[in-house]
Protein backbone atom coordinates (compact mmCIF):
# COMPACT_ATOMS: atom_id res chain seq x y z
CA MET A 1 48.88 1.72 -1.23
CA THR A 2 45.70 3.68 -1.96
CA ALA A 3 46.44 4.85 -5.49
CA SER A 4 45.16 1.75 -7.28
CA LEU A 5 41.61 1.51 -5.91
CA ASP A 6 39.09 1.49 -8.76
CA TYR A 7 35.71 2.51 -7.36
CA THR A 8 32.56 4.46 -8.15
CA VAL A 9 30.35 6.12 -5.55
CA VAL A 10 26.60 5.72 -6.10
CA ILE A 11 24.24 7.96 -4.11
CA PRO A 12 20.46 7.61 -4.50
CA THR A 13 18.66 10.79 -3.50
CA THR A 14 15.28 12.43 -3.19
CA GLY A 15 16.83 15.88 -3.16
CA ARG A 16 17.65 16.24 0.53
CA GLU A 17 19.56 19.34 1.58
CA SER A 18 22.25 17.10 3.05
CA LEU A 19 23.29 15.94 -0.42
CA LYS A 20 25.36 18.99 -1.35
CA PRO A 21 27.66 19.03 1.72
CA LEU A 22 28.03 15.26 1.35
CA LEU A 23 29.26 15.67 -2.22
CA GLU A 24 31.60 18.50 -1.27
CA THR A 25 33.18 16.36 1.45
CA LEU A 26 33.47 13.39 -0.88
CA LEU A 27 35.03 15.30 -3.78
CA GLY A 28 37.50 17.07 -1.52
CA GLY A 29 38.33 14.07 0.60
CA GLU A 30 41.78 12.73 1.33
CA GLY A 31 42.69 9.56 -0.52
CA PRO A 32 42.12 8.08 -3.97
CA HIS A 33 39.44 9.87 -5.95
CA PRO A 34 36.57 7.76 -7.28
CA ALA A 35 36.44 6.95 -10.97
CA GLU A 36 33.04 8.61 -10.92
CA VAL A 37 30.41 9.93 -8.51
CA LEU A 38 26.91 9.01 -9.67
CA VAL A 39 23.95 10.70 -8.01
CA VAL A 40 20.70 8.95 -8.90
CA ASP A 41 17.76 11.34 -8.60
CA ASP A 42 14.81 9.17 -7.61
CA ARG A 43 12.19 11.89 -7.59
CA PRO A 44 9.34 11.21 -10.05
CA ALA A 45 9.81 14.74 -11.39
CA GLY A 46 11.32 18.03 -10.40
CA PRO A 47 14.04 20.51 -11.29
CA GLU A 48 17.60 19.50 -11.99
CA LEU A 49 19.71 18.88 -8.91
CA ASP A 50 22.33 21.45 -8.02
CA VAL A 51 25.49 19.35 -7.74
CA PRO A 52 29.18 20.26 -7.89
CA GLY A 53 31.18 19.79 -11.05
CA GLY A 54 32.48 16.30 -11.65
CA VAL A 55 29.27 14.64 -10.45
CA ARG A 56 27.01 12.88 -12.94
CA VAL A 57 23.25 12.84 -12.27
CA LEU A 58 21.02 9.98 -13.42
CA ARG A 59 17.23 9.84 -13.06
CA SER A 60 15.41 6.69 -11.98
CA GLY A 61 11.86 8.06 -12.05
CA GLY A 62 10.77 7.57 -8.46
CA ARG A 63 10.94 3.76 -8.50
CA GLY A 64 12.60 3.50 -5.08
CA PRO A 65 16.15 3.19 -3.73
CA ALA A 66 16.66 -0.38 -5.00
CA ALA A 67 15.96 0.68 -8.59
CA ALA A 68 18.05 3.84 -8.16
CA ARG A 69 21.07 1.87 -6.93
CA ASN A 70 20.67 -0.65 -9.74
CA LEU A 71 20.75 2.14 -12.29
CA GLY A 72 23.87 3.51 -10.63
CA TRP A 73 25.98 0.35 -10.49
CA ARG A 74 24.92 -0.80 -13.95
CA THR A 75 26.04 2.57 -15.32
CA ALA A 76 29.40 2.35 -13.54
CA GLY A 77 32.32 0.39 -14.90
CA SER A 78 34.68 0.22 -11.93
CA GLU A 79 35.73 -2.82 -9.92
CA TRP A 80 34.07 -1.58 -6.72
CA ILE A 81 30.75 0.20 -6.18
CA ALA A 82 30.50 2.19 -2.94
CA PHE A 83 26.87 2.89 -2.02
CA VAL A 84 26.33 5.90 0.24
CA ASP A 85 23.03 7.38 1.40
CA ASP A 86 22.33 11.06 0.78
CA ASP A 87 21.76 11.87 4.47
CA VAL A 88 25.05 10.63 5.94
CA VAL A 89 28.11 12.66 6.89
CA LEU A 90 31.44 11.33 5.61
CA ALA A 91 34.76 11.85 7.31
CA PRO A 92 37.19 14.14 5.41
CA ASP A 93 39.47 11.15 4.82
CA TRP A 94 36.67 8.71 3.94
CA PRO A 95 38.22 7.86 0.52
CA ARG A 96 41.44 6.87 2.26
CA GLN A 97 39.55 4.81 4.85
CA LEU A 98 37.59 3.10 2.08
CA ALA A 99 40.78 2.18 0.23
CA GLU A 100 42.33 0.79 3.40
CA ASP A 101 39.25 -1.39 3.88
CA LEU A 102 38.95 -2.63 0.29
CA LEU A 103 42.45 -3.08 -1.09
CA PRO A 104 43.59 -5.84 1.31
CA LEU A 105 40.46 -7.95 0.72
CA PRO A 106 40.99 -11.33 -0.94
CA SER A 107 38.98 -12.18 -4.04
CA GLY A 108 36.54 -14.30 -2.04
CA VAL A 109 35.27 -11.23 -0.17
CA ALA A 110 32.70 -9.50 -2.33
CA ALA A 111 31.60 -6.66 -0.05
CA SER A 112 32.68 -4.44 2.83
CA GLN A 113 30.36 -2.80 5.32
CA GLY A 114 31.28 0.54 6.87
CA ARG A 115 30.75 1.30 10.55
CA ILE A 116 27.85 3.64 11.27
CA THR A 117 27.71 6.00 14.23
CA VAL A 118 24.53 7.85 15.22
CA PRO A 119 25.10 10.83 17.56
CA LEU A 120 22.28 11.12 20.09
CA PRO A 121 21.33 14.17 22.20
CA ALA A 122 23.67 14.70 25.14
CA ASP A 123 21.19 16.75 27.18
CA ARG A 124 18.19 14.39 27.17
CA ARG A 125 17.07 10.87 26.48
CA PRO A 126 16.57 10.05 22.80
CA ALA A 127 13.05 10.02 21.42
CA ASP A 128 11.49 7.00 19.70
CA ASP A 129 12.45 8.04 16.17
CA GLU A 130 16.00 8.87 17.28
CA ARG A 131 16.34 5.44 18.91
CA GLY A 132 15.14 3.90 15.66
CA THR A 133 17.94 5.61 13.76
CA ALA A 134 20.45 4.59 16.43
CA GLY A 135 19.66 0.98 15.64
CA LEU A 136 21.62 1.43 12.40
CA GLU A 137 24.82 1.23 14.44
CA HIS A 138 24.22 -2.50 14.93
CA ALA A 139 22.45 -3.33 11.66
CA TRP A 140 24.04 -5.66 9.15
CA TRP A 141 24.85 -4.70 5.56
CA ILE A 142 23.01 -1.36 5.41
CA THR A 143 23.72 0.69 2.31
CA ALA A 144 24.24 3.92 4.23
CA ASP A 145 27.88 2.92 3.61
CA MET A 146 28.34 -0.41 1.83
CA ALA A 147 30.78 -1.35 -0.94
CA TYR A 148 30.33 -4.28 -3.33
CA ARG A 149 32.46 -5.71 -6.09
CA ARG A 150 30.64 -4.95 -9.30
CA ALA A 151 31.14 -8.54 -10.47
CA ALA A 152 29.23 -9.83 -7.43
CA LEU A 153 26.36 -7.43 -8.10
CA ALA A 154 26.22 -8.59 -11.70
CA GLU A 155 26.33 -12.23 -10.64
CA VAL A 156 23.23 -11.96 -8.43
CA GLY A 157 21.41 -9.34 -10.50
CA GLY A 158 21.70 -6.43 -8.06
CA PHE A 159 18.94 -5.20 -5.78
CA ASP A 160 15.46 -6.69 -5.97
CA GLU A 161 13.26 -3.80 -7.07
CA ARG A 162 10.20 -5.33 -5.43
CA PHE A 163 11.46 -3.67 -2.24
CA PRO A 164 10.08 -0.14 -2.77
CA ARG A 165 11.50 1.46 0.39
CA ALA A 166 14.91 1.85 1.99
CA PHE A 167 14.14 -1.24 4.06
CA ARG A 168 15.25 -4.88 3.72
CA GLU A 169 16.51 -4.41 0.14
CA ASP A 170 20.07 -4.30 1.48
CA SER A 171 19.64 -7.45 3.61
CA ASP A 172 18.11 -9.31 0.69
CA LEU A 173 21.03 -8.41 -1.57
CA ALA A 174 23.61 -9.44 1.02
CA LEU A 175 21.91 -12.79 1.58
CA ARG A 176 21.92 -13.53 -2.14
CA VAL A 177 25.59 -12.55 -2.42
CA ALA A 178 26.41 -14.88 0.50
CA GLU A 179 24.32 -17.67 -1.03
CA ALA A 180 26.34 -17.28 -4.23
CA GLY A 181 29.42 -18.31 -2.24
CA HIS A 182 30.94 -14.91 -1.41
CA ARG A 183 31.94 -13.46 1.94
CA ILE A 184 31.05 -10.02 3.29
CA GLY A 185 33.55 -8.17 5.44
CA ARG A 186 33.22 -5.39 7.98
CA GLY A 187 35.52 -2.45 7.41
CA GLU A 188 36.95 0.12 9.80
CA ARG A 189 35.80 3.28 7.99
CA LEU A 190 33.42 5.37 10.04
CA THR A 191 30.37 7.19 8.70
CA THR A 192 28.00 9.39 10.69
CA HIS A 193 24.24 9.09 10.28
CA PRO A 194 22.42 11.98 12.00
CA ALA A 195 19.36 11.11 14.08
CA ARG A 196 16.80 13.49 12.65
CA ARG A 197 13.35 13.97 14.18
CA ALA A 198 10.29 12.68 12.39
CA GLY A 199 6.56 13.41 12.57
CA PHE A 200 3.98 12.32 15.12
CA PHE A 201 2.95 9.23 13.12
CA TYR A 202 6.47 8.24 12.02
CA SER A 203 6.32 4.85 13.74
CA LEU A 204 2.89 4.13 12.29
CA LYS A 205 4.05 4.84 8.74
CA ALA A 206 7.08 2.61 9.36
CA GLN A 207 4.74 -0.38 9.62
CA ARG A 208 4.67 -0.52 5.83
CA GLY A 209 7.96 -2.35 6.23
CA ASN A 210 6.00 -5.42 7.34
CA ALA A 211 5.14 -5.96 3.68
CA ASP A 212 8.88 -6.09 2.96
CA ASN A 213 9.29 -8.57 5.82
CA ALA A 214 6.76 -10.80 4.07
CA LEU A 215 8.82 -10.69 0.89
CA MET A 216 11.96 -11.57 2.87
CA ARG A 217 10.17 -14.59 4.34
CA HIS A 218 8.94 -15.63 0.91
CA LYS A 219 12.43 -15.41 -0.57
CA HIS A 220 14.64 -16.62 2.28
CA GLY A 221 12.47 -18.80 4.51
CA VAL A 222 11.21 -18.55 8.06
CA HIS A 223 14.69 -18.05 9.54
CA TRP A 224 15.48 -14.90 7.57
CA ARG A 225 15.52 -12.77 10.73
CA GLN A 226 18.23 -14.86 12.34
CA ARG A 227 20.25 -14.81 9.12
CA THR A 228 20.11 -11.01 8.91
CA GLY A 229 20.38 -10.09 12.60
CA ALA A 230 16.96 -8.44 12.46
CA GLY A 231 15.76 -9.59 15.88
CA PRO A 232 12.54 -11.46 16.70
CA GLY A 233 9.99 -8.71 16.03
CA ARG A 234 6.56 -8.30 17.66
CA LEU A 235 4.22 -9.50 14.93
CA GLY A 236 2.79 -12.33 17.06
CA ARG A 237 1.83 -9.97 19.88
CA HIS A 238 0.54 -7.41 17.39
CA ALA A 239 -1.69 -10.10 15.85
CA LEU A 240 -3.02 -11.12 19.28
CA SER A 241 -3.70 -7.49 20.19
CA THR A 242 -5.48 -6.88 16.90
CA VAL A 243 -7.66 -9.97 17.21
CA ALA A 244 -8.52 -9.07 20.81
CA GLY A 245 -9.45 -5.52 19.82
CA LEU A 246 -11.66 -6.69 16.96
CA ALA A 247 -13.30 -9.27 19.20
CA ALA A 248 -14.00 -6.62 21.85
CA LEU A 249 -15.82 -4.58 19.23
CA ALA A 250 -17.69 -7.45 17.57
CA LEU A 251 -18.75 -9.72 20.46
CA PRO A 252 -21.34 -7.33 21.97
CA PHE A 253 -23.34 -7.61 18.76
CA ALA A 254 -23.48 -11.37 19.33
CA HIS A 255 -24.62 -10.78 22.94
CA ARG A 256 -21.31 -12.11 24.29
CA ARG A 257 -20.61 -9.25 26.67
CA GLY A 258 -18.52 -11.28 29.08
CA LYS A 259 -16.20 -12.45 26.37
CA ALA A 260 -16.11 -8.95 24.97
CA VAL A 261 -14.91 -7.63 28.32
CA LEU A 262 -12.23 -10.33 28.43
CA ALA A 263 -11.09 -9.46 24.90
CA ALA A 264 -11.01 -5.77 25.78
CA GLY A 265 -8.88 -6.55 28.81
CA ILE A 266 -6.41 -8.52 26.70
CA TRP A 267 -6.24 -5.68 24.17
CA ALA A 268 -5.75 -3.05 26.90
CA GLY A 269 -3.05 -5.08 28.63
CA LEU A 270 -1.07 -5.70 25.45
CA THR A 271 -1.42 -2.07 24.37
CA ALA A 272 -0.33 -0.79 27.77
CA GLU A 273 2.69 -3.12 27.82
CA PHE A 274 3.69 -1.99 24.34
CA ALA A 275 3.28 1.70 25.17
CA ALA A 276 5.20 1.36 28.46
CA ARG A 277 8.04 -0.42 26.69
CA ARG A 278 8.33 2.49 24.23
CA ILE A 279 7.85 5.28 26.80
CA ARG A 280 10.36 3.97 29.35
CA PRO A 281 13.63 4.76 27.49
CA GLY A 282 12.43 8.07 26.04
CA PRO A 283 12.35 11.69 27.27
CA ARG A 284 8.83 11.23 28.74
CA THR A 285 7.71 14.71 27.77
CA PRO A 286 3.93 15.15 27.38
CA GLY A 287 4.22 15.24 23.60
CA GLU A 288 6.39 12.13 23.43
CA VAL A 289 4.18 10.20 25.85
CA ALA A 290 1.08 11.16 23.86
CA ARG A 291 2.76 10.02 20.66
CA MET A 292 3.70 6.66 22.19
CA VAL A 293 0.22 6.05 23.62
CA VAL A 294 -1.62 6.89 20.40
CA THR A 295 0.69 5.02 18.06
CA SER A 296 0.95 2.00 20.37
CA ALA A 297 -2.79 1.50 19.90
CA LEU A 298 -2.61 1.97 16.12
CA ILE A 299 0.59 0.06 15.29
CA PRO A 300 -0.65 -3.53 15.87
CA PRO A 301 -3.53 -3.44 13.32
CA ALA A 302 -1.36 -1.46 10.88
CA ALA A 303 1.44 -4.02 11.19
CA CYS A 304 -0.97 -6.91 10.60
CA TYR A 305 -2.58 -5.19 7.63
CA HIS A 306 0.75 -4.51 5.91
CA ARG A 307 2.03 -8.00 6.67
CA LEU A 308 -1.08 -9.56 5.15
CA ARG A 309 -0.80 -7.26 2.15
CA GLY A 310 2.83 -8.25 1.74
CA GLU A 311 2.11 -11.98 2.04
CA ILE A 312 -0.50 -11.73 -0.72
CA ALA A 313 1.77 -9.64 -2.95
CA ALA A 314 4.74 -11.98 -2.45
CA ARG A 315 2.69 -14.92 -3.67
CA ARG A 316 1.09 -13.12 -6.58
CA PRO A 317 3.01 -13.83 -9.80
CA ARG A 318 4.28 -10.67 -11.44
CA PRO A 319 3.91 -10.48 -15.19
CA PRO A 320 7.50 -10.72 -16.41
CA ALA A 321 9.20 -8.02 -18.44
CA ALA A 322 10.80 -10.77 -20.57
CA VAL A 323 10.75 -14.55 -20.89
CA LEU A 324 14.01 -16.42 -21.52
CA PHE A 325 13.80 -20.00 -22.73
CA ASP A 326 16.25 -22.84 -22.68
CA ARG A 327 16.42 -24.34 -26.18
CA ASP A 328 16.73 -28.13 -26.01
CA ASP A 329 13.85 -30.09 -24.43
CA THR A 330 12.11 -26.79 -23.68
CA LEU A 331 11.37 -25.28 -27.10
CA ILE A 332 12.61 -28.09 -29.34
CA VAL A 333 12.87 -31.85 -28.85
CA ASP A 334 16.35 -32.61 -27.57
CA VAL A 335 18.74 -34.33 -29.98
CA PRO A 336 22.20 -34.54 -28.39
CA TYR A 337 24.63 -32.21 -30.16
CA LEU A 338 22.13 -31.47 -32.91
CA ALA A 339 23.99 -30.41 -36.06
CA ASP A 340 21.32 -30.85 -38.74
CA PRO A 341 18.74 -28.06 -39.14
CA ASP A 342 16.30 -30.62 -40.54
CA GLY A 343 16.32 -32.31 -37.14
CA VAL A 344 14.73 -29.33 -35.38
CA ARG A 345 11.32 -30.39 -34.06
CA PRO A 346 9.40 -27.95 -31.85
CA VAL A 347 7.92 -29.17 -28.59
CA PRO A 348 4.14 -29.46 -29.15
CA GLY A 349 2.46 -26.09 -28.62
CA ALA A 350 5.74 -24.19 -28.17
CA VAL A 351 5.61 -22.24 -31.44
CA GLU A 352 2.13 -20.91 -30.70
CA LEU A 353 3.02 -19.96 -27.14
CA VAL A 354 6.12 -18.02 -28.20
CA ARG A 355 4.16 -16.28 -30.93
CA LYS A 356 1.45 -15.20 -28.48
CA LEU A 357 4.07 -13.88 -26.07
CA ARG A 358 5.60 -11.83 -28.85
CA GLU A 359 2.20 -10.51 -29.93
CA SER A 360 1.39 -9.49 -26.36
CA GLY A 361 4.51 -7.32 -26.27
CA ILE A 362 6.61 -9.50 -23.95
CA PRO A 363 10.19 -9.85 -25.26
CA VAL A 364 11.46 -13.40 -25.66
CA GLY A 365 15.00 -14.75 -25.75
CA ILE A 366 17.01 -17.94 -25.64
CA VAL A 367 19.74 -18.92 -23.18
CA SER A 368 21.31 -22.22 -24.19
CA ASN A 369 24.33 -24.32 -23.23
CA GLN A 370 25.94 -25.84 -26.35
CA SER A 371 29.08 -27.58 -25.14
CA GLY A 372 29.20 -29.69 -28.29
CA VAL A 373 31.27 -26.94 -29.88
CA ALA A 374 33.94 -27.16 -27.17
CA LYS A 375 33.86 -30.94 -27.39
CA GLY A 376 34.37 -30.83 -31.15
CA LEU A 377 31.07 -32.61 -31.82
CA ILE A 378 29.50 -29.72 -33.72
CA THR A 379 31.01 -26.78 -35.57
CA PRO A 380 30.02 -23.18 -34.89
CA ASP A 381 28.61 -22.96 -38.43
CA ARG A 382 26.34 -25.97 -37.92
CA LEU A 383 25.21 -24.58 -34.57
CA ALA A 384 24.35 -21.29 -36.25
CA ALA A 385 22.40 -23.15 -38.93
CA VAL A 386 20.38 -25.04 -36.31
CA ASN A 387 19.61 -21.84 -34.43
CA ALA A 388 18.58 -20.16 -37.70
CA ARG A 389 16.12 -22.99 -38.26
CA VAL A 390 14.75 -22.53 -34.75
CA GLU A 391 14.16 -18.86 -35.47
CA GLU A 392 12.62 -19.70 -38.82
CA LEU A 393 10.04 -21.88 -37.07
CA PHE A 394 9.44 -19.74 -33.98
CA GLY A 395 9.97 -16.23 -35.32
CA PRO A 396 12.62 -13.74 -34.19
CA PHE A 397 13.94 -13.78 -30.63
CA GLY A 398 14.98 -10.54 -28.98
CA THR A 399 18.26 -12.05 -27.82
CA TRP A 400 20.25 -15.24 -28.39
CA GLN A 401 22.70 -16.19 -25.67
CA VAL A 402 24.61 -19.38 -26.45
CA CYS A 403 27.47 -20.78 -24.37
CA VAL A 404 29.80 -22.96 -26.45
CA HIS A 405 32.11 -23.79 -23.53
CA ASP A 406 32.49 -27.01 -21.59
CA ASP A 407 32.28 -27.58 -17.84
CA GLY A 408 35.99 -27.12 -17.20
CA ASP A 409 36.47 -23.96 -19.26
CA GLY A 410 35.77 -21.62 -16.35
CA CYS A 411 33.50 -19.26 -18.27
CA ASP A 412 30.87 -17.08 -16.62
CA CYS A 413 28.18 -17.89 -19.16
CA ARG A 414 27.62 -21.64 -18.91
CA LYS A 415 24.54 -22.42 -16.84
CA PRO A 416 24.24 -22.70 -13.85
CA ARG A 417 26.32 -19.49 -13.90
CA PRO A 418 24.19 -16.38 -14.51
CA GLY A 419 26.17 -14.75 -17.31
CA MET A 420 23.78 -15.54 -20.17
CA VAL A 421 20.71 -14.50 -18.18
CA LEU A 422 22.31 -11.20 -17.23
CA ARG A 423 23.47 -10.48 -20.78
CA ALA A 424 20.06 -11.39 -22.18
CA ALA A 425 18.37 -8.97 -19.77
CA GLY A 426 20.90 -6.31 -20.71
CA GLU A 427 20.27 -6.72 -24.44
CA LEU A 428 16.51 -6.58 -23.88
CA GLY A 429 16.88 -3.53 -21.64
CA VAL A 430 15.05 -5.04 -18.65
CA ASP A 431 15.91 -5.72 -15.03
CA PRO A 432 17.05 -9.34 -14.55
CA ALA A 433 14.70 -9.55 -11.55
CA ALA A 434 11.81 -8.89 -13.94
CA CYS A 435 12.74 -11.85 -16.18
CA VAL A 436 11.44 -15.40 -16.06
CA VAL A 437 13.68 -18.24 -17.18
CA ILE A 438 11.93 -21.43 -18.35
CA GLY A 439 13.95 -24.60 -18.71
CA ASP A 440 14.09 -28.33 -18.05
CA THR A 441 17.15 -28.71 -15.80
CA GLY A 442 18.43 -27.58 -12.44
CA ALA A 443 21.13 -25.59 -14.23
CA ASP A 444 18.40 -23.44 -15.82
CA VAL A 445 16.85 -22.77 -12.41
CA ASP A 446 20.18 -22.07 -10.71
CA ALA A 447 21.30 -19.67 -13.46
CA ALA A 448 18.06 -17.72 -13.12
CA LEU A 449 18.26 -17.53 -9.33
CA ALA A 450 21.91 -16.47 -9.44
CA ALA A 451 20.95 -13.64 -11.78
CA GLY A 452 18.11 -12.55 -9.51
CA ALA A 453 15.49 -13.71 -12.03
CA ARG A 454 12.53 -16.00 -11.48
CA ALA A 455 12.60 -19.56 -12.75
CA VAL A 456 10.06 -22.16 -13.80
CA LEU A 457 11.19 -25.75 -14.30
CA VAL A 458 9.33 -27.86 -16.87
CA PRO A 459 10.66 -31.34 -16.16
CA THR A 460 11.15 -34.04 -18.78
CA ALA A 461 11.91 -37.72 -18.34
CA ARG A 462 15.60 -36.78 -18.04
CA THR A 463 15.18 -34.15 -15.33
CA LEU A 464 16.62 -35.43 -12.06
CA GLU A 465 14.41 -35.73 -8.97
CA PRO A 466 16.77 -33.60 -6.80
CA GLU A 467 16.52 -30.85 -9.44
CA ILE A 468 12.73 -30.96 -9.26
CA ALA A 469 12.77 -30.92 -5.45
CA ARG A 470 15.12 -27.92 -5.39
CA ALA A 471 12.95 -26.08 -7.92
CA ARG A 472 9.87 -26.68 -5.76
CA ARG A 473 11.67 -25.06 -2.81
CA HIS A 474 13.29 -22.10 -4.55
CA ALA A 475 11.43 -21.52 -7.82
CA ALA A 476 8.38 -23.15 -9.45
CA VAL A 477 7.59 -26.36 -11.33
CA ALA A 478 5.09 -26.70 -14.19
CA ARG A 479 3.83 -29.66 -16.21
CA ASP A 480 4.25 -27.97 -19.58
CA LEU A 481 5.02 -24.64 -21.21
CA ALA A 482 1.43 -23.41 -21.03
CA GLU A 483 1.34 -23.97 -17.27
CA ALA A 484 4.81 -22.42 -16.93
CA LEU A 485 3.50 -19.20 -18.44
CA ARG A 486 0.51 -19.21 -16.10
CA VAL A 487 2.83 -19.75 -13.13
CA ALA A 488 4.91 -16.84 -14.40
CA GLY A 489 1.85 -14.58 -14.23
CA ILE A 490 1.00 -14.54 -17.93
CA ALA A 491 -2.72 -15.24 -18.27
CA ARG A 492 -3.83 -17.24 -21.27
């Protein structure tokens, strides 16, 4: 049964010592061998990794695990991509277990999550950092051991590289895969994740993840925690503690000593409750208690700071790496099934805007549905002549993606499917998530979102109200092309 599994293993790494034994176990494991093992070195610089023969090393330049995994799966060509972290321990028969999990899956299941076990000390209570690692046993969709169909990754554009840490990027991907209509299964394969000790301020540094929580809220709404099994969190109490602490420090200067004492009491009570909650399940050694007391006072303001930073960053438009335009009613005035190059009339101001984008070094492309070819209303030659006229007026585009199919043809390119957006990003050599798609219909918006790109809708008289309402919820709406570029983060 296991001989036909087509899979690639992708392992992002920062050069941990655990990588080499992991690779040795994987390469010598029982079961079908992977088509390839890709180790993505995510250190900004450093010597070449010492890896066994048969392993290919890629370098992602220190851009974070999301970018490293994207480089890995986009390099691979197999049906399945198995993501494994560099600090896990695989069972000797992990390849066989993986095959038994993946091969029976129906086509509607796009991913399979492995089971994670975290061994804890048998002779003492686990410390705070060890308990944090143990939480992985119940986490959803973590990429310590997670396999995806490559087609599903391509459909949604892979990991969002705005998540710079190994935190929330896996949940975000899984939500987008589910939103695209796929199911995610839970396999039976078992992978061990050791609970390694961390430094004194480990929990304080972990508060940077609140910025990633802000991005999750921005992308998936206020109920993202329930949808990912993340639990309720403590941000509300952290905010109250922080405000109380600041008030206790500031009110004496306003001669409000009574209120300052009250604020100090609130701060002390919340801090004590938080510290006691963290001390109670631990080993209660002097060092561990000291760590919990100190960090329990520092975590609330750190959490609030990083959450605020994340909220601001999530709302700040990122300058796109490329801009992809719909053709009809976006760049040129729409003439149904236009077959005459002399009928090409640019939308007012569009030629100048595209030219300025090109001069500023931002690649531009076109993604256009042209079902008139499938309907027999325009020949491929006439379509090519019209597109040549568009390029004559606007200048060269870095990529042309044109779908000539009709609704019932079942292609992967016709918008709202993401195929053209993904291929355009590939030809331009940019991450789909770094692209902005500008168009006049809901299909343009949906194609962009399915590819993991951003979208700006520029409605016309023929744009439907439900399309505009959906774009306001999930993308952006602009009055014209100039405003669309400003919304996309391109100052003019």
